[in-house]
Protein backbone atom coordinates (compact mmCIF):
# COMPACT_ATOMS: atom_id res chain seq x y z
CA MET A 1 28.91 35.40 -6.06
CA PRO A 2 25.91 35.83 -8.55
CA PHE A 3 27.27 39.29 -9.66
CA ASP A 4 30.18 40.85 -10.20
CA PRO A 5 28.91 44.63 -8.71
CA SER A 6 31.04 46.28 -11.45
CA GLU A 7 29.09 44.70 -14.06
CA ILE A 8 26.05 46.35 -12.66
CA PRO A 9 25.19 49.59 -13.76
CA HIS A 10 24.91 51.95 -10.88
CA PRO A 11 25.08 49.24 -8.14
CA PRO A 12 23.42 49.36 -4.96
CA ALA A 13 25.17 50.38 -1.84
CA VAL A 14 25.14 46.65 -0.14
CA TRP A 15 26.38 44.90 3.19
CA ALA A 16 27.95 41.68 1.46
CA TYR A 17 27.89 37.99 3.36
CA GLU A 18 29.18 34.39 2.70
CA LEU A 19 26.96 31.81 4.62
CA PRO A 20 28.25 28.27 4.13
CA GLY A 21 28.31 26.63 1.20
CA GLY A 22 29.24 29.55 -1.22
CA TRP A 23 25.51 31.29 -0.43
CA THR A 24 25.65 35.31 -1.45
CA VAL A 25 23.24 37.54 1.03
CA TRP A 26 23.57 41.01 0.24
CA ALA A 27 21.50 43.92 1.98
CA GLY A 28 20.57 47.33 1.08
CA ARG A 29 22.18 50.37 2.98
CA THR A 30 19.44 53.20 2.17
CA ASP A 31 15.88 53.06 0.58
CA ARG A 32 16.87 54.13 -2.57
CA ASP A 33 19.89 51.11 -2.30
CA ASN A 34 16.72 48.43 -1.09
CA ASP A 35 14.97 49.83 -4.06
CA ARG A 36 17.51 49.15 -6.43
CA LEU A 37 18.62 45.35 -5.03
CA SER A 38 15.29 44.62 -4.61
CA LEU A 39 14.13 45.89 -8.36
CA LYS A 40 16.17 45.64 -10.79
CA VAL A 41 19.28 43.46 -9.12
CA ALA A 42 17.74 40.17 -7.46
CA ARG A 43 15.99 37.65 -10.22
CA ASN A 44 12.86 36.34 -9.87
CA ASP A 45 14.35 32.67 -8.01
CA ASP A 46 16.34 34.66 -5.16
CA TRP A 47 14.68 34.81 -2.00
CA TRP A 48 14.22 38.43 -0.47
CA PHE A 49 13.62 39.12 2.95
CA HIS A 50 12.27 42.24 5.44
CA LEU A 51 11.80 43.13 8.88
CA ARG A 52 7.87 42.24 9.19
CA GLY A 53 6.60 45.56 9.92
CA MET A 54 9.33 47.70 10.97
CA PRO A 55 11.54 49.73 8.67
CA GLY A 56 14.61 47.47 7.74
CA SER A 57 17.34 46.72 4.96
CA HIS A 58 15.79 44.77 1.90
CA VAL A 59 17.69 41.73 1.73
CA VAL A 60 18.42 39.16 -0.97
CA LEU A 61 19.95 35.64 -0.80
CA PHE A 62 21.29 34.93 -4.77
CA VAL A 63 20.14 31.26 -5.50
CA ARG A 64 22.69 29.66 -7.91
CA ASP A 65 22.15 27.74 -11.24
CA GLY A 66 18.42 26.95 -10.25
CA ILE A 67 20.55 24.73 -7.15
CA GLU A 68 18.12 25.68 -3.95
CA PRO A 69 19.11 26.82 -0.38
CA ASP A 70 18.16 24.37 2.52
CA LYS A 71 16.13 25.73 5.37
CA GLY A 72 19.29 26.68 7.24
CA THR A 73 20.82 28.74 4.69
CA VAL A 74 17.33 30.60 4.59
CA ARG A 75 16.91 30.91 8.43
CA ALA A 76 20.91 32.62 8.19
CA ALA A 77 20.01 34.98 5.74
CA ALA A 78 16.27 36.05 7.26
CA ALA A 79 18.32 36.47 10.62
CA ILE A 80 20.66 38.86 8.50
CA ALA A 81 17.31 40.96 7.52
CA ALA A 82 16.61 41.04 11.20
CA TRP A 83 20.12 41.97 12.22
CA HIS A 84 19.80 45.00 9.34
CA SER A 85 16.62 46.62 11.43
CA LYS A 86 15.19 48.28 14.17
CA GLN A 87 15.07 45.24 16.05
CA ARG A 88 18.55 44.12 15.99
CA ARG A 89 18.25 43.91 19.77
CA GLY A 90 14.54 42.39 20.11
CA GLY A 91 15.19 39.17 20.50
CA THR A 92 12.91 36.61 18.24
CA VAL A 93 11.41 38.91 15.78
CA ALA A 94 9.45 38.05 12.22
CA VAL A 95 11.10 38.01 8.80
CA THR A 96 9.02 38.30 5.81
CA ALA A 97 10.38 35.69 2.89
CA THR A 98 9.28 35.48 -0.30
CA ARG A 99 11.11 35.14 -3.98
CA ALA A 100 12.07 38.06 -5.68
CA ARG A 101 9.54 37.88 -8.07
CA TYR A 102 7.04 38.56 -5.48
CA VAL A 103 8.14 41.91 -4.84
CA SER A 104 6.86 44.82 -7.12
CA LYS A 105 6.57 48.27 -6.39
CA PRO A 106 3.25 50.78 -6.26
CA ARG A 107 3.42 53.38 -8.72
CA GLY A 108 4.10 56.51 -6.88
CA ALA A 109 5.86 55.13 -3.54
CA LYS A 110 8.67 56.05 -1.87
CA ALA A 111 11.91 54.61 -2.37
CA GLY A 112 12.26 51.48 -0.47
CA SER A 113 8.45 50.78 0.01
CA VAL A 114 7.42 47.57 -1.58
CA ARG A 115 4.24 45.22 -1.96
CA ILE A 116 4.92 41.47 -1.38
CA ARG A 117 2.64 38.88 -2.11
CA LYS A 118 2.86 35.05 -0.79
CA GLU A 119 5.02 35.73 1.62
CA SER A 120 6.33 33.20 4.34
CA VAL A 121 7.23 34.06 8.18
CA ILE A 122 10.27 33.08 9.84
CA LYS A 123 10.78 33.98 13.44
CA VAL A 124 14.90 34.01 13.87
CA LYS A 125 17.37 35.70 16.40
CA PRO A 126 19.34 38.84 14.39
CA ALA A 127 22.56 38.00 13.70
CA VAL A 128 24.73 38.31 10.47
CA PRO A 129 27.77 35.42 10.04
CA GLY A 130 31.14 35.96 11.73
């Protein structure tokens, strides 16, 4: 686990998932939790995901000590982002993926609104591990 939530001042409320290989993924529960997760908790090299063009949770795949997740792990994290969105039952959907360093908040934007640079789009079916 990248963090002990008790070590984070005012930790965001999240859904937490463990993927094969010991990878940890967190999905924000509210707009404020999404802000804290994306802008305060996620580190520069962590992966960040969100359903493309529609409301949903901000999802972070925590990178461990410079070890890069494989393509299947990245796709599983994207599927979690799709699951925690309005398109949960939408078949295959497009999910934005980028490094957390490329996620910022525009001045004056409402909670949960972010600006994304250098995105990739991953098409996945919504799913959570289990």
